[in-house]
Amino acid sequence: MYMIEILRWLIAVPLLLIWLYFAATNLRFLFRNFRVGLDAGPAPVTVVGGLAGCLGLLILPWLEFADRVALLWVPLFLDLGSAPFYLSMLALAIWQRMNNRAWRNQPDYIEGGMD
C-alpha cells in the first residue's frame, strides 16, 4: 500500500503543477490583454490546465475520495481558460443571438429590406 501512495503522489503533484502553470499563464494573458487593449481571448490551450487539475485531485492520496470528487469543480473554475472562458463564450453567444433577433424585428429593418 505504501508504494501505491508514493506513486499516486508522483503522478498527482506534476498534474497539479501543470494546472497551476496553466492557471497562472491564463491569468497573465488576461491581464496583458487588459493592459495592452487586445481582445485575443485566453491562451491558446484552454482546457488542459483545468483537466490536469481535476485529474491531479482525483489521484491525490491526501483526501478521502468523496472529498476529492466534491472539489473537482475548483480547478476548472480557478483556471480562467477552462470553465469561465467557455461559460462566458456561451453567455456571449446567447446574448448576441437574442440581440440579433430583437434587431431583426425592428420595423426599420423589415421595411428597409423589402425594397
Protein backbone atom coordinates (compact mmCIF):
# COMPACT_ATOMS: atom_id res chain seq x y z
CA MET A 1 0.00 0.00 0.00
CA TYR A 2 2.86 2.38 0.76
CA MET A 3 4.33 2.11 -2.75
CA ILE A 4 0.95 2.90 -4.36
CA GLU A 5 0.64 6.06 -2.27
CA ILE A 6 4.09 7.21 -3.38
CA LEU A 7 3.16 6.52 -6.98
CA ARG A 8 -0.07 8.47 -6.59
CA TRP A 9 1.88 11.42 -5.17
CA LEU A 10 4.38 11.20 -8.02
CA ILE A 11 1.55 11.43 -10.55
CA ALA A 12 -0.71 13.92 -8.75
CA VAL A 13 1.89 16.57 -7.91
CA PRO A 14 3.06 17.14 -11.52
CA LEU A 15 -0.55 17.27 -12.70
CA LEU A 16 -1.36 19.90 -10.07
CA LEU A 17 1.77 21.83 -11.04
CA ILE A 18 0.65 21.74 -14.68
CA TRP A 19 -2.72 23.11 -13.57
CA LEU A 20 -1.02 25.86 -11.59
CA TYR A 21 1.17 26.77 -14.57
CA PHE A 22 -1.76 27.00 -16.99
CA ALA A 23 -3.91 28.92 -14.50
CA ALA A 24 -1.10 31.46 -13.96
CA THR A 25 -0.49 31.68 -17.72
CA ASN A 26 -4.16 32.33 -18.47
CA LEU A 27 -4.32 34.96 -15.72
CA ARG A 28 -1.17 36.65 -17.02
CA PHE A 29 -2.54 36.55 -20.57
CA LEU A 30 -5.80 38.13 -19.40
CA PHE A 31 -4.02 40.97 -17.56
CA ARG A 32 -1.77 41.59 -20.56
CA ASN A 33 -4.83 41.83 -22.81
CA PHE A 34 -6.44 44.37 -20.48
CA ARG A 35 -3.27 46.41 -20.18
CA VAL A 36 -2.43 46.48 -23.88
CA GLY A 37 -6.04 46.61 -25.02
CA LEU A 38 -6.07 43.45 -27.10
CA ASP A 39 -9.13 41.31 -27.46
CA ALA A 40 -7.48 37.98 -28.13
CA GLY A 41 -9.24 35.75 -25.58
CA PRO A 42 -7.47 33.25 -23.35
CA ALA A 43 -4.23 31.44 -24.01
CA PRO A 44 -4.21 29.07 -26.97
CA VAL A 45 -4.53 25.88 -24.88
CA THR A 46 -7.52 26.48 -22.68
CA VAL A 47 -8.89 23.33 -21.06
CA VAL A 48 -5.61 21.50 -20.42
CA GLY A 49 -4.94 23.21 -17.10
CA GLY A 50 -8.40 22.58 -15.67
CA LEU A 51 -8.41 18.93 -16.72
CA ALA A 52 -4.91 18.37 -15.34
CA GLY A 53 -6.05 19.85 -12.04
CA CYS A 54 -9.10 17.59 -11.93
CA LEU A 55 -7.01 14.50 -12.63
CA GLY A 56 -4.45 15.58 -10.05
CA LEU A 57 -7.17 15.94 -7.43
CA LEU A 58 -8.64 12.55 -8.27
CA ILE A 59 -5.27 10.80 -7.95
CA LEU A 60 -4.13 12.70 -4.85
CA PRO A 61 -3.96 10.31 -1.85
CA TRP A 62 -4.24 13.09 0.72
CA LEU A 63 -8.06 13.39 0.95
CA GLU A 64 -10.88 10.89 1.00
CA PHE A 65 -12.33 10.09 -2.42
CA ALA A 66 -15.68 11.78 -1.68
CA ASP A 67 -13.88 14.99 -0.67
CA ARG A 68 -11.76 14.92 -3.83
CA VAL A 69 -14.84 14.46 -6.01
CA ALA A 70 -16.54 17.37 -4.23
CA LEU A 71 -13.54 19.58 -5.06
CA LEU A 72 -13.36 18.71 -8.77
CA TRP A 73 -15.02 21.98 -9.80
CA VAL A 74 -12.29 24.08 -8.13
CA PRO A 75 -9.53 23.64 -10.77
CA LEU A 76 -11.99 24.13 -13.60
CA PHE A 77 -13.25 27.45 -12.24
CA LEU A 78 -9.96 28.81 -10.89
CA ASP A 79 -8.28 28.35 -14.26
CA LEU A 80 -9.73 31.24 -16.27
CA GLY A 81 -9.13 29.40 -19.52
CA SER A 82 -11.35 26.46 -18.61
CA ALA A 83 -14.92 26.78 -17.37
CA PRO A 84 -15.07 30.61 -17.00
CA PHE A 85 -13.93 31.09 -20.60
CA TYR A 86 -16.40 28.64 -22.08
CA LEU A 87 -19.28 29.83 -19.89
CA SER A 88 -18.60 33.43 -20.91
CA MET A 89 -18.46 32.41 -24.58
CA LEU A 90 -21.79 30.61 -24.19
CA ALA A 91 -23.34 33.65 -22.50
CA LEU A 92 -21.95 35.92 -25.22
CA ALA A 93 -23.35 33.71 -27.98
CA ILE A 94 -26.78 33.66 -26.32
CA TRP A 95 -26.68 37.43 -25.82
CA GLN A 96 -25.70 38.08 -29.43
CA ARG A 97 -28.38 35.72 -30.70
CA MET A 98 -31.04 37.44 -28.58
CA ASN A 99 -29.94 40.91 -29.71
CA ASN A 100 -29.82 39.77 -33.33
CA ARG A 101 -33.42 38.57 -33.14
CA ALA A 102 -34.54 41.79 -31.43
CA TRP A 103 -32.79 43.85 -34.10
CA ARG A 104 -34.41 41.92 -36.94
CA ASN A 105 -37.88 42.54 -35.53
CA GLN A 106 -37.48 46.31 -35.69
CA PRO A 107 -39.81 47.98 -38.26
CA ASP A 108 -36.96 49.93 -39.90
CA TYR A 109 -35.10 46.70 -40.65
CA ILE A 110 -38.19 44.99 -42.05
CA GLU A 111 -39.17 47.96 -44.24
CA GLY A 112 -35.61 48.65 -45.40
CA GLY A 113 -35.09 45.08 -46.54
CA MET A 114 -38.22 44.96 -48.72
CA ASP A 115 -37.01 47.48 -51.37
